[in-house]
Amino acid sequence: QLHLTTSEKNELAISLERVQNQLQERESEIKREISEYKDRLLQAEKEHQDTLTEANRKSEVEIEACHEKISSLEHFISSQKLEIEHLKSNKEQLNNSLKEANQALGEFLKTKVR
């Protein structure tokens, strides 16, 4: 009986050792997988951040280009308004000169008819 019990004990010890080894292997495997997933997550986060940074940079460049275009258009509009005012002033001067010329012509014609 003692021999049988000792034999069973030895078998159980061997079985326990095998199970413990399997658990340690599985634990190592799980730790390795966790490490790989963490690395992949860090890489994905880095790529995501790089993409965001590049998108922000492009947006800032586009915004700056739009600001420059707006500024250019505002300057153009301002110069066009000045040109319009100048042309209105010239038109008014020409209209006044035309009135004076018509009056002088009218008076000339009146004196010539007499």
PDB file of N, CA and C in Angstrom:
ATOM      1  N   GLN A   1       0.839  -1.191   0.000  1.00  0.00           N
ATOM      2  CA  GLN A   1       0.000   0.000   0.000  1.00  0.00           C
ATOM      3  C   GLN A   1       0.886   1.259   0.000  1.00  0.00           C
ATOM      4  N   LEU A   2       1.904   1.219   0.856  1.00  0.00           N
ATOM      5  CA  LEU A   2       2.825   2.355   0.958  1.00  0.00           C
ATOM      6  C   LEU A   2       3.521   2.588  -0.377  1.00  0.00           C
ATOM      7  N   HIS A   3       3.932   1.489  -0.992  1.00  0.00           N
ATOM      8  CA  HIS A   3       4.596   1.579  -2.296  1.00  0.00           C
ATOM      9  C   HIS A   3       3.652   2.188  -3.340  1.00  0.00           C
ATOM     10  N   LEU A   4       2.400   1.759  -3.326  1.00  0.00           N
ATOM     11  CA  LEU A   4       1.399   2.258  -4.261  1.00  0.00           C
ATOM     12  C   LEU A   4       1.144   3.742  -4.020  1.00  0.00           C
ATOM     13  N   THR A   5       1.024   4.130  -2.791  1.00  0.00           N
ATOM     14  CA  THR A   5       0.778   5.531  -2.439  1.00  0.00           C
ATOM     15  C   THR A   5       1.975   6.391  -2.836  1.00  0.00           C
ATOM     16  N   THR A   6       3.176   5.882  -2.594  1.00  0.00           N
ATOM     17  CA  THR A   6       4.388   6.606  -2.965  1.00  0.00           C
ATOM     18  C   THR A   6       4.448   6.761  -4.477  1.00  0.00           C
ATOM     19  N   SER A   7       4.085   5.722  -5.183  1.00  0.00           N
ATOM     20  CA  SER A   7       4.086   5.754  -6.643  1.00  0.00           C
ATOM     21  C   SER A   7       3.068   6.781  -7.152  1.00  0.00           C
ATOM     22  N   GLU A   8       1.875   6.783  -6.564  1.00  0.00           N
ATOM     23  CA  GLU A   8       0.841   7.754  -6.953  1.00  0.00           C
ATOM     24  C   GLU A   8       1.306   9.171  -6.645  1.00  0.00           C
ATOM     25  N   LYS A   9       1.964   9.310  -5.477  1.00  0.00           N
ATOM     26  CA  LYS A   9       2.468  10.618  -5.086  1.00  0.00           C
ATOM     27  C   LYS A   9       3.487  11.113  -6.109  1.00  0.00           C
ATOM     28  N   ASN A  10       4.377  10.221  -6.536  1.00  0.00           N
ATOM     29  CA  ASN A  10       5.389  10.580  -7.532  1.00  0.00           C
ATOM     30  C   ASN A  10       4.746  10.959  -8.856  1.00  0.00           C
ATOM     31  N   GLU A  11       3.728  10.200  -9.260  1.00  0.00           N
ATOM     32  CA  GLU A  11       3.020  10.493 -10.506  1.00  0.00           C
ATOM     33  C   GLU A  11       2.310  11.848 -10.414  1.00  0.00           C
ATOM     34  N   LEU A  12       1.689  12.072  -9.238  1.00  0.00           N
ATOM     35  CA  LEU A  12       1.008  13.353  -9.040  1.00  0.00           C
ATOM     36  C   LEU A  12       2.011  14.506  -9.043  1.00  0.00           C
ATOM     37  N   ALA A  13       3.169  14.292  -8.442  1.00  0.00           N
ATOM     38  CA  ALA A  13       4.214  15.322  -8.417  1.00  0.00           C
ATOM     39  C   ALA A  13       4.681  15.613  -9.837  1.00  0.00           C
ATOM     40  N   ILE A  14       4.888  14.553 -10.626  1.00  0.00           N
ATOM     41  CA  ILE A  14       5.309  14.717 -12.027  1.00  0.00           C
ATOM     42  C   ILE A  14       4.210  15.442 -12.815  1.00  0.00           C
ATOM     43  N   SER A  15       2.968  15.030 -12.586  1.00  0.00           N
ATOM     44  CA  SER A  15       1.835  15.649 -13.274  1.00  0.00           C
ATOM     45  C   SER A  15       1.720  17.124 -12.877  1.00  0.00           C
ATOM     46  N   LEU A  16       1.890  17.378 -11.586  1.00  0.00           N
ATOM     47  CA  LEU A  16       1.843  18.764 -11.098  1.00  0.00           C
ATOM     48  C   LEU A  16       2.962  19.596 -11.732  1.00  0.00           C
ATOM     49  N   GLU A  17       4.135  19.010 -11.817  1.00  0.00           N
ATOM     50  CA  GLU A  17       5.273  19.717 -12.419  1.00  0.00           C
ATOM     51  C   GLU A  17       4.993  20.022 -13.891  1.00  0.00           C
ATOM     52  N   ARG A  18       4.398  19.037 -14.611  1.00  0.00           N
ATOM     53  CA  ARG A  18       4.045  19.246 -16.010  1.00  0.00           C
ATOM     54  C   ARG A  18       3.027  20.388 -16.144  1.00  0.00           C
ATOM     55  N   VAL A  19       2.013  20.359 -15.276  1.00  0.00           N
ATOM     56  CA  VAL A  19       0.977  21.400 -15.319  1.00  0.00           C
ATOM     57  C   VAL A  19       1.595  22.763 -15.006  1.00  0.00           C
ATOM     58  N   GLN A  20       2.474  22.796 -13.995  1.00  0.00           N
ATOM     59  CA  GLN A  20       3.134  24.054 -13.648  1.00  0.00           C
ATOM     60  C   GLN A  20       4.001  24.553 -14.814  1.00  0.00           C
ATOM     61  N   ASN A  21       4.701  23.649 -15.468  1.00  0.00           N
ATOM     62  CA  ASN A  21       5.506  24.021 -16.643  1.00  0.00           C
ATOM     63  C   ASN A  21       4.626  24.563 -17.761  1.00  0.00           C
ATOM     64  N   GLN A  22       3.502  23.868 -17.986  1.00  0.00           N
ATOM     65  CA  GLN A  22       2.570  24.328 -19.024  1.00  0.00           C
ATOM     66  C   GLN A  22       2.023  25.721 -18.679  1.00  0.00           C
ATOM     67  N   LEU A  23       1.705  25.926 -17.401  1.00  0.00           N
ATOM     68  CA  LEU A  23       1.199  27.229 -16.966  1.00  0.00           C
ATOM     69  C   LEU A  23       2.257  28.314 -17.148  1.00  0.00           C
ATOM     70  N   GLN A  24       3.496  27.981 -16.808  1.00  0.00           N
ATOM     71  CA  GLN A  24       4.585  28.950 -16.977  1.00  0.00           C
ATOM     72  C   GLN A  24       4.786  29.269 -18.460  1.00  0.00           C
ATOM     73  N   GLU A  25       4.730  28.243 -19.307  1.00  0.00           N
ATOM     74  CA  GLU A  25       4.862  28.469 -20.745  1.00  0.00           C
ATOM     75  C   GLU A  25       3.725  29.349 -21.258  1.00  0.00           C
ATOM     76  N   ARG A  26       2.521  29.027 -20.790  1.00  0.00           N
ATOM     77  CA  ARG A  26       1.349  29.812 -21.218  1.00  0.00           C
ATOM     78  C   ARG A  26       1.455  31.255 -20.716  1.00  0.00           C
ATOM     79  N   GLU A  27       1.921  31.409 -19.477  1.00  0.00           N
ATOM     80  CA  GLU A  27       2.104  32.753 -18.920  1.00  0.00           C
ATOM     81  C   GLU A  27       3.141  33.527 -19.738  1.00  0.00           C
ATOM     82  N   SER A  28       4.246  32.870 -20.080  1.00  0.00           N
ATOM     83  CA  SER A  28       5.277  33.509 -20.902  1.00  0.00           C
ATOM     84  C   SER A  28       4.712  33.888 -22.271  1.00  0.00           C
ATOM     85  N   GLU A  29       3.933  32.998 -22.836  1.00  0.00           N
ATOM     86  CA  GLU A  29       3.320  33.251 -24.146  1.00  0.00           C
ATOM     87  C   GLU A  29       2.359  34.446 -24.070  1.00  0.00           C
ATOM     88  N   ILE A  30       1.561  34.472 -23.012  1.00  0.00           N
ATOM     89  CA  ILE A  30       0.606  35.577 -22.842  1.00  0.00           C
ATOM     90  C   ILE A  30       1.361  36.894 -22.642  1.00  0.00           C
ATOM     91  N   LYS A  31       2.422  36.867 -21.843  1.00  0.00           N
ATOM     92  CA  LYS A  31       3.215  38.079 -21.630  1.00  0.00           C
ATOM     93  C   LYS A  31       3.835  38.556 -22.937  1.00  0.00           C
ATOM     94  N   ARG A  32       4.320  37.612 -23.744  1.00  0.00           N
ATOM     95  CA  ARG A  32       4.913  37.952 -25.032  1.00  0.00           C
ATOM     96  C   ARG A  32       3.838  38.581 -25.944  1.00  0.00           C
ATOM     97  N   GLU A  33       2.639  37.974 -25.948  1.00  0.00           N
ATOM     98  CA  GLU A  33       1.555  38.521 -26.771  1.00  0.00           C
ATOM     99  C   GLU A  33       1.166  39.922 -26.301  1.00  0.00           C
ATOM    100  N   ILE A  34       1.091  40.112 -24.986  1.00  0.00           N
ATOM    101  CA  ILE A  34       0.759  41.427 -24.437  1.00  0.00           C
ATOM    102  C   ILE A  34       1.812  42.447 -24.866  1.00  0.00           C
ATOM    103  N   SER A  35       3.064  42.043 -24.788  1.00  0.00           N
ATOM    104  CA  SER A  35       4.159  42.934 -25.200  1.00  0.00           C
ATOM    105  C   SER A  35       4.037  43.291 -26.678  1.00  0.00           C
ATOM    106  N   GLU A  36       3.736  42.290 -27.510  1.00  0.00           N
ATOM    107  CA  GLU A  36       3.557  42.544 -28.940  1.00  0.00           C
ATOM    108  C   GLU A  36       2.392  43.495 -29.191  1.00  0.00           C
ATOM    109  N   TYR A  37       1.268  43.275 -28.484  1.00  0.00           N
ATOM    110  CA  TYR A  37       0.106  44.141 -28.651  1.00  0.00           C
ATOM    111  C   TYR A  37       0.415  45.567 -28.198  1.00  0.00           C
ATOM    112  N   LYS A  38       1.167  45.685 -27.117  1.00  0.00           N
ATOM    113  CA  LYS A  38       1.549  47.020 -26.644  1.00  0.00           C
ATOM    114  C   LYS A  38       2.423  47.718 -27.680  1.00  0.00           C
ATOM    115  N   ASP A  39       3.375  46.977 -28.246  1.00  0.00           N
ATOM    116  CA  ASP A  39       4.240  47.547 -29.288  1.00  0.00           C
ATOM    117  C   ASP A  39       3.419  47.992 -30.496  1.00  0.00           C
ATOM    118  N   ARG A  40       2.488  47.137 -30.907  1.00  0.00           N
ATOM    119  CA  ARG A  40       1.642  47.471 -32.058  1.00  0.00           C
ATOM    120  C   ARG A  40       0.769  48.683 -31.758  1.00  0.00           C
ATOM    121  N   LEU A  41       0.265  48.737 -30.515  1.00  0.00           N
ATOM    122  CA  LEU A  41      -0.560  49.874 -30.111  1.00  0.00           C
ATOM    123  C   LEU A  41       0.262  51.164 -30.125  1.00  0.00           C
ATOM    124  N   LEU A  42       1.467  51.099 -29.577  1.00  0.00           N
ATOM    125  CA  LEU A  42       2.343  52.278 -29.584  1.00  0.00           C
ATOM    126  C   LEU A  42       2.656  52.717 -31.011  1.00  0.00           C
ATOM    127  N   GLN A  43       2.927  51.755 -31.882  1.00  0.00           N
ATOM    128  CA  GLN A  43       3.212  52.074 -33.286  1.00  0.00           C
ATOM    129  C   GLN A  43       1.984  52.712 -33.950  1.00  0.00           C
ATOM    130  N   ALA A  44       0.814  52.140 -33.688  1.00  0.00           N
ATOM    131  CA  ALA A  44      -0.413  52.696 -34.273  1.00  0.00           C
ATOM    132  C   ALA A  44      -0.658  54.110 -33.751  1.00  0.00           C
ATOM    133  N   GLU A  45      -0.430  54.317 -32.451  1.00  0.00           N
ATOM    134  CA  GLU A  45      -0.607  55.655 -31.879  1.00  0.00           C
ATOM    135  C   GLU A  45       0.375  56.649 -32.496  1.00  0.00           C
ATOM    136  N   LYS A  46       1.611  56.205 -32.701  1.00  0.00           N
ATOM    137  CA  LYS A  46       2.624  57.076 -33.313  1.00  0.00           C
ATOM    138  C   LYS A  46       2.220  57.434 -34.745  1.00  0.00           C
ATOM    139  N   GLU A  47       1.783  56.420 -35.503  1.00  0.00           N
ATOM    140  CA  GLU A  47       1.353  56.681 -36.881  1.00  0.00           C
ATOM    141  C   GLU A  47       0.158  57.634 -36.898  1.00  0.00           C
ATOM    142  N   HIS A  48      -0.771  57.418 -35.976  1.00  0.00           N
ATOM    143  CA  HIS A  48      -1.944  58.283 -35.876  1.00  0.00           C
ATOM    144  C   HIS A  48      -1.517  59.717 -35.557  1.00  0.00           C
ATOM    145  N   GLN A  49      -0.612  59.864 -34.597  1.00  0.00           N
ATOM    146  CA  GLN A  49      -0.130  61.196 -34.223  1.00  0.00           C
ATOM    147  C   GLN A  49       0.611  61.854 -35.386  1.00  0.00           C
ATOM    148  N   ASP A  50       1.432  61.059 -36.098  1.00  0.00           N
ATOM    149  CA  ASP A  50       2.139  61.599 -37.264  1.00  0.00           C
ATOM    150  C   ASP A  50       1.154  62.073 -38.330  1.00  0.00           C
ATOM    151  N   THR A  51       0.105  61.283 -38.539  1.00  0.00           N
ATOM    152  CA  THR A  51      -0.921  61.652 -39.519  1.00  0.00           C
ATOM    153  C   THR A  51      -1.622  62.937 -39.104  1.00  0.00           C
ATOM    154  N   LEU A  52      -1.972  63.028 -37.818  1.00  0.00           N
ATOM    155  CA  LEU A  52      -2.617  64.244 -37.324  1.00  0.00           C
ATOM    156  C   LEU A  52      -1.704  65.456 -37.460  1.00  0.00           C
ATOM    157  N   THR A  53      -0.439  65.273 -37.118  1.00  0.00           N
ATOM    158  CA  THR A  53       0.521  66.372 -37.214  1.00  0.00           C
ATOM    159  C   THR A  53       0.637  66.851 -38.657  1.00  0.00           C
ATOM    160  N   GLU A  54       0.739  65.919 -39.584  1.00  0.00           N
ATOM    161  CA  GLU A  54       0.853  66.274 -41.002  1.00  0.00           C
ATOM    162  C   GLU A  54      -0.424  66.963 -41.497  1.00  0.00           C
ATOM    163  N   ALA A  55      -1.577  66.443 -41.070  1.00  0.00           N
ATOM    164  CA  ALA A  55      -2.851  67.062 -41.467  1.00  0.00           C
ATOM    165  C   ALA A  55      -2.947  68.484 -40.912  1.00  0.00           C
ATOM    166  N   ASN A  56      -2.517  68.664 -39.663  1.00  0.00           N
ATOM    167  CA  ASN A  56      -2.532  70.008 -39.071  1.00  0.00           C
ATOM    168  C   ASN A  56      -1.589  70.948 -39.815  1.00  0.00           C
ATOM    169  N   ARG A  57      -0.415  70.437 -40.180  1.00  0.00           N
ATOM    170  CA  ARG A  57       0.547  71.262 -40.903  1.00  0.00           C
ATOM    171  C   ARG A  57      -0.041  71.693 -42.255  1.00  0.00           C
ATOM    172  N   LYS A  58      -0.642  70.731 -42.959  1.00  0.00           N
ATOM    173  CA  LYS A  58      -1.243  71.062 -44.257  1.00  0.00           C
ATOM    174  C   LYS A  58      -2.371  72.074 -44.089  1.00  0.00           C
ATOM    175  N   SER A  59      -3.175  71.893 -43.046  1.00  0.00           N
ATOM    176  CA  SER A  59      -4.278  72.835 -42.792  1.00  0.00           C
ATOM    177  C   SER A  59      -3.738  74.234 -42.520  1.00  0.00           C
ATOM    178  N   GLU A  60      -2.677  74.307 -41.719  1.00  0.00           N
ATOM    179  CA  GLU A  60      -2.095  75.614 -41.418  1.00  0.00           C
ATOM    180  C   GLU A  60      -1.553  76.274 -42.681  1.00  0.00           C
ATOM    181  N   VAL A  61      -0.926  75.480 -43.560  1.00  0.00           N
ATOM    182  CA  VAL A  61      -0.422  76.030 -44.822  1.00  0.00           C
ATOM    183  C   VAL A  61      -1.589  76.536 -45.673  1.00  0.00           C
ATOM    184  N   GLU A  62      -2.673  75.753 -45.747  1.00  0.00           N
ATOM    185  CA  GLU A  62      -3.838  76.158 -46.538  1.00  0.00           C
ATOM    186  C   GLU A  62      -4.485  77.404 -45.950  1.00  0.00           C
ATOM    187  N   ILE A  63      -4.577  77.456 -44.617  1.00  0.00           N
ATOM    188  CA  ILE A  63      -5.162  78.629 -43.961  1.00  0.00           C
ATOM    189  C   ILE A  63      -4.323  79.865 -44.254  1.00  0.00           C
ATOM    190  N   GLU A  64      -3.006  79.724 -44.162  1.00  0.00           N
ATOM    191  CA  GLU A  64      -2.119  80.858 -44.453  1.00  0.00           C
ATOM    192  C   GLU A  64      -2.290  81.310 -45.900  1.00  0.00           C
ATOM    193  N   ALA A  65      -2.397  80.346 -46.824  1.00  0.00           N
ATOM    194  CA  ALA A  65      -2.603  80.693 -48.236  1.00  0.00           C
ATOM    195  C   ALA A  65      -3.933  81.440 -48.419  1.00  0.00           C
ATOM    196  N   CYS A  66      -4.958  80.993 -47.700  1.00  0.00           N
ATOM    197  CA  CYS A  66      -6.266  81.670 -47.780  1.00  0.00           C
ATOM    198  C   CYS A  66      -6.179  83.082 -47.215  1.00  0.00           C
ATOM    199  N   HIS A  67      -5.470  83.246 -46.089  1.00  0.00           N
ATOM    200  CA  HIS A  67      -5.298  84.580 -45.516  1.00  0.00           C
ATOM    201  C   HIS A  67      -4.585  85.506 -46.505  1.00  0.00           C
ATOM    202  N   GLU A  68      -3.553  84.976 -47.150  1.00  0.00           N
ATOM    203  CA  GLU A  68      -2.822  85.782 -48.129  1.00  0.00           C
ATOM    204  C   GLU A  68      -3.718  86.156 -49.304  1.00  0.00           C
ATOM    205  N   LYS A  69      -4.539  85.204 -49.758  1.00  0.00           N
ATOM    206  CA  LYS A  69      -5.439  85.487 -50.883  1.00  0.00           C
ATOM    207  C   LYS A  69      -6.477  86.536 -50.474  1.00  0.00           C
ATOM    208  N   ILE A  70      -7.009  86.398 -49.255  1.00  0.00           N
ATOM    209  CA  ILE A  70      -7.984  87.380 -48.764  1.00  0.00           C
ATOM    210  C   ILE A  70      -7.344  88.763 -48.703  1.00  0.00           C
ATOM    211  N   SER A  71      -6.134  88.811 -48.170  1.00  0.00           N
ATOM    212  CA  SER A  71      -5.429  90.088 -48.072  1.00  0.00           C
ATOM    213  C   SER A  71      -5.207  90.689 -49.460  1.00  0.00           C
ATOM    214  N   SER A  72      -4.803  89.849 -50.391  1.00  0.00           N
ATOM    215  CA  SER A  72      -4.583  90.306 -51.761  1.00  0.00           C
ATOM    216  C   SER A  72      -5.879  90.830 -52.379  1.00  0.00           C
ATOM    217  N   LEU A  73      -6.970  90.095 -52.155  1.00  0.00           N
ATOM    218  CA  LEU A  73      -8.262  90.525 -52.707  1.00  0.00           C
ATOM    219  C   LEU A  73      -8.737  91.822 -52.060  1.00  0.00           C
ATOM    220  N   GLU A  74      -8.517  91.947 -50.736  1.00  0.00           N
ATOM    221  CA  GLU A  74      -8.892  93.188 -50.058  1.00  0.00           C
ATOM    222  C   GLU A  74      -8.113  94.368 -50.634  1.00  0.00           C
ATOM    223  N   HIS A  75      -6.826  94.158 -50.886  1.00  0.00           N
ATOM    224  CA  HIS A  75      -6.001  95.217 -51.479  1.00  0.00           C
ATOM    225  C   HIS A  75      -6.508  95.568 -52.885  1.00  0.00           C
ATOM    226  N   PHE A  76      -6.834  94.528 -53.659  1.00  0.00           N
ATOM    227  CA  PHE A  76      -7.351  94.751 -55.015  1.00  0.00           C
ATOM    228  C   PHE A  76      -8.662  95.541 -54.974  1.00  0.00           C
ATOM    229  N   ILE A  77      -9.550  95.137 -54.065  1.00  0.00           N
ATOM    230  CA  ILE A  77     -10.846  95.829 -53.939  1.00  0.00           C
ATOM    231  C   ILE A  77     -10.630  97.290 -53.548  1.00  0.00           C
ATOM    232  N   SER A  78      -9.720  97.507 -52.609  1.00  0.00           N
ATOM    233  CA  SER A  78      -9.411  98.874 -52.180  1.00  0.00           C
ATOM    234  C   SER A  78      -8.895  99.717 -53.349  1.00  0.00           C
ATOM    235  N   SER A  79      -7.979  99.135 -54.127  1.00  0.00           N
ATOM    236  CA  SER A  79      -7.442  99.880 -55.268  1.00  0.00           C
ATOM    237  C   SER A  79      -8.530 100.123 -56.321  1.00  0.00           C
ATOM    238  N   GLN A  80      -9.431  99.166 -56.489  1.00  0.00           N
ATOM    239  CA  GLN A  80     -10.523  99.343 -57.457  1.00  0.00           C
ATOM    240  C   GLN A  80     -11.481 100.443 -56.995  1.00  0.00           C
ATOM    241  N   LYS A  81     -11.741 100.507 -55.670  1.00  0.00           N
ATOM    242  CA  LYS A  81     -12.604 101.574 -55.149  1.00  0.00           C
ATOM    243  C   LYS A  81     -11.969 102.941 -55.403  1.00  0.00           C
ATOM    244  N   LEU A  82     -10.645 103.029 -55.174  1.00  0.00           N
ATOM    245  CA  LEU A  82      -9.955 104.290 -55.445  1.00  0.00           C
ATOM    246  C   LEU A  82     -10.045 104.656 -56.930  1.00  0.00           C
ATOM    247  N   GLU A  83      -9.867 103.673 -57.784  1.00  0.00           N
ATOM    248  CA  GLU A  83      -9.961 103.898 -59.231  1.00  0.00           C
ATOM    249  C   GLU A  83     -11.361 104.360 -59.620  1.00  0.00           C
ATOM    250  N   ILE A  84     -12.380 103.758 -59.010  1.00  0.00           N
ATOM    251  CA  ILE A  84     -13.768 104.160 -59.296  1.00  0.00           C
ATOM    252  C   ILE A  84     -13.989 105.615 -58.877  1.00  0.00           C
ATOM    253  N   GLU A  85     -13.495 105.961 -57.685  1.00  0.00           N
ATOM    254  CA  GLU A  85     -13.631 107.352 -57.219  1.00  0.00           C
ATOM    255  C   GLU A  85     -12.910 108.313 -58.173  1.00  0.00           C
ATOM    256  N   HIS A  86     -11.739 107.928 -58.612  1.00  0.00           N
ATOM    257  CA  HIS A  86     -10.967 108.750 -59.549  1.00  0.00           C
ATOM    258  C   HIS A  86     -11.745 108.919 -60.863  1.00  0.00           C
ATOM    259  N   LEU A  87     -12.317 107.817 -61.360  1.00  0.00           N
ATOM    260  CA  LEU A  87     -13.080 107.889 -62.615  1.00  0.00           C
ATOM    261  C   LEU A  87     -14.341 108.735 -62.451  1.00  0.00           C
ATOM    262  N   LYS A  88     -15.003 108.632 -61.290  1.00  0.00           N
ATOM    263  CA  LYS A  88     -16.190 109.464 -61.039  1.00  0.00           C
ATOM    264  C   LYS A  88     -15.812 110.944 -61.043  1.00  0.00           C
ATOM    265  N   SER A  89     -14.676 111.233 -60.409  1.00  0.00           N
ATOM    266  CA  SER A  89     -14.208 112.622 -60.354  1.00  0.00           C
ATOM    267  C   SER A  89     -13.902 113.123 -61.767  1.00  0.00           C
ATOM    268  N   ASN A  90     -13.221 112.307 -62.560  1.00  0.00           N
ATOM    269  CA  ASN A  90     -12.918 112.689 -63.951  1.00  0.00           C
ATOM    270  C   ASN A  90     -14.188 112.898 -64.757  1.00  0.00           C
ATOM    271  N   LYS A  91     -15.176 112.003 -64.542  1.00  0.00           N
ATOM    272  CA  LYS A  91     -16.446 112.113 -65.269  1.00  0.00           C
ATOM    273  C   LYS A  91     -17.132 113.428 -64.914  1.00  0.00           C
ATOM    274  N   GLU A  92     -17.127 113.763 -63.631  1.00  0.00           N
ATOM    275  CA  GLU A  92     -17.759 115.006 -63.196  1.00  0.00           C
ATOM    276  C   GLU A  92     -17.052 116.220 -63.816  1.00  0.00           C
ATOM    277  N   GLN A  93     -15.717 116.161 -63.823  1.00  0.00           N
ATOM    278  CA  GLN A  93     -14.965 117.261 -64.437  1.00  0.00           C
ATOM    279  C   GLN A  93     -15.273 117.365 -65.935  1.00  0.00           C
ATOM    280  N   LEU A  94     -15.346 116.225 -66.604  1.00  0.00           N
ATOM    281  CA  LEU A  94     -15.659 116.235 -68.042  1.00  0.00           C
ATOM    282  C   LEU A  94     -17.075 116.743 -68.297  1.00  0.00           C
ATOM    283  N   ASN A  95     -18.010 116.342 -67.443  1.00  0.00           N
ATOM    284  CA  ASN A  95     -19.389 116.834 -67.604  1.00  0.00           C
ATOM    285  C   ASN A  95     -19.438 118.354 -67.418  1.00  0.00           C
ATOM    286  N   ASN A  96     -18.712 118.854 -66.420  1.00  0.00           N
ATOM    287  CA  ASN A  96     -18.678 120.314 -66.203  1.00  0.00           C
ATOM    288  C   ASN A  96     -18.049 121.019 -67.396  1.00  0.00           C
ATOM    289  N   SER A  97     -16.944 120.453 -67.897  1.00  0.00           N
ATOM    290  CA  SER A  97     -16.296 121.056 -69.072  1.00  0.00           C
ATOM    291  C   SER A  97     -17.222 121.035 -70.279  1.00  0.00           C
ATOM    292  N   LEU A  98     -17.966 119.925 -70.440  1.00  0.00           N
ATOM    293  CA  LEU A  98     -18.905 119.817 -71.560  1.00  0.00           C
ATOM    294  C   LEU A  98     -20.009 120.855 -71.431  1.00  0.00           C
ATOM    295  N   LYS A  99     -20.535 121.067 -70.223  1.00  0.00           N
ATOM    296  CA  LYS A  99     -21.570 122.080 -70.014  1.00  0.00           C
ATOM    297  C   LYS A  99     -21.043 123.467 -70.364  1.00  0.00           C
ATOM    298  N   GLU A 100     -19.817 123.745 -69.878  1.00  0.00           N
ATOM    299  CA  GLU A 100     -19.219 125.051 -70.176  1.00  0.00           C
ATOM    300  C   GLU A 100     -19.018 125.221 -71.682  1.00  0.00           C
ATOM    301  N   ALA A 101     -18.561 124.159 -72.332  1.00  0.00           N
ATOM    302  CA  ALA A 101     -18.338 124.233 -73.789  1.00  0.00           C
ATOM    303  C   ALA A 101     -19.665 124.422 -74.519  1.00  0.00           C
ATOM    304  N   ASN A 102     -20.711 123.724 -74.059  1.00  0.00           N
ATOM    305  CA  ASN A 102     -22.030 123.870 -74.700  1.00  0.00           C
ATOM    306  C   ASN A 102     -22.577 125.284 -74.494  1.00  0.00           C
ATOM    307  N   GLN A 103     -22.356 125.826 -73.283  1.00  0.00           N
ATOM    308  CA  GLN A 103     -22.819 127.200 -73.022  1.00  0.00           C
ATOM    309  C   GLN A 103     -22.060 128.192 -73.917  1.00  0.00           C
ATOM    310  N   ALA A 104     -20.749 127.984 -73.995  1.00  0.00           N
ATOM    311  CA  ALA A 104     -19.945 128.885 -74.836  1.00  0.00           C
ATOM    312  C   ALA A 104     -20.369 128.766 -76.293  1.00  0.00           C
ATOM    313  N   LEU A 105     -20.643 127.537 -76.733  1.00  0.00           N
ATOM    314  CA  LEU A 105     -21.079 127.324 -78.117  1.00  0.00           C
ATOM    315  C   LEU A 105     -22.424 127.994 -78.347  1.00  0.00           C
ATOM    316  N   GLY A 106     -23.308 127.833 -77.352  1.00  0.00           N
ATOM    317  CA  GLY A 106     -24.636 128.473 -77.465  1.00  0.00           C
ATOM    318  C   GLY A 106     -24.509 129.987 -77.584  1.00  0.00           C
ATOM    319  N   GLU A 107     -23.675 130.578 -76.749  1.00  0.00           N
ATOM    320  CA  GLU A 107     -23.485 132.010 -76.790  1.00  0.00           C
ATOM    321  C   GLU A 107     -22.807 132.435 -78.090  1.00  0.00           C
ATOM    322  N   PHE A 108     -21.855 131.619 -78.537  1.00  0.00           N
ATOM    323  CA  PHE A 108     -21.171 131.916 -79.813  1.00  0.00           C
ATOM    324  C   PHE A 108     -22.187 131.912 -80.965  1.00  0.00           C
ATOM    325  N   LEU A 109     -23.061 130.870 -80.951  1.00  0.00           N
ATOM    326  CA  LEU A 109     -24.049 130.781 -82.011  1.00  0.00           C
ATOM    327  C   LEU A 109     -25.027 131.954 -81.953  1.00  0.00           C
ATOM    328  N   LYS A 110     -25.380 132.388 -80.744  1.00  0.00           N
ATOM    329  CA  LYS A 110     -26.304 133.534 -80.596  1.00  0.00           C
ATOM    330  C   LYS A 110     -25.666 134.780 -81.157  1.00  0.00           C
ATOM    331  N   THR A 111     -24.373 135.004 -80.854  1.00  0.00           N
ATOM    332  CA  THR A 111     -23.708 136.193 -81.346  1.00  0.00           C
ATOM    333  C   THR A 111     -23.491 136.128 -82.856  1.00  0.00           C
ATOM    334  N   LYS A 112     -23.304 134.950 -83.369  1.00  0.00           N
ATOM    335  CA  LYS A 112     -23.076 134.784 -84.807  1.00  0.00           C
ATOM    336  C   LYS A 112     -24.380 135.033 -85.568  1.00  0.00           C
ATOM    337  N   VAL A 113     -25.506 134.598 -85.018  1.00  0.00           N
ATOM    338  CA  VAL A 113     -26.785 134.780 -85.690  1.00  0.00           C
ATOM    339  C   VAL A 113     -27.126 136.261 -85.759  1.00  0.00           C
ATOM    340  N   ARG A 114     -26.771 137.071 -84.837  1.00  0.00           N
ATOM    341  CA  ARG A 114     -27.106 138.477 -84.805  1.00  0.00           C
ATOM    342  C   ARG A 114     -26.397 139.204 -85.833  1.00  0.00           C
TER     343      ARG A 114
END
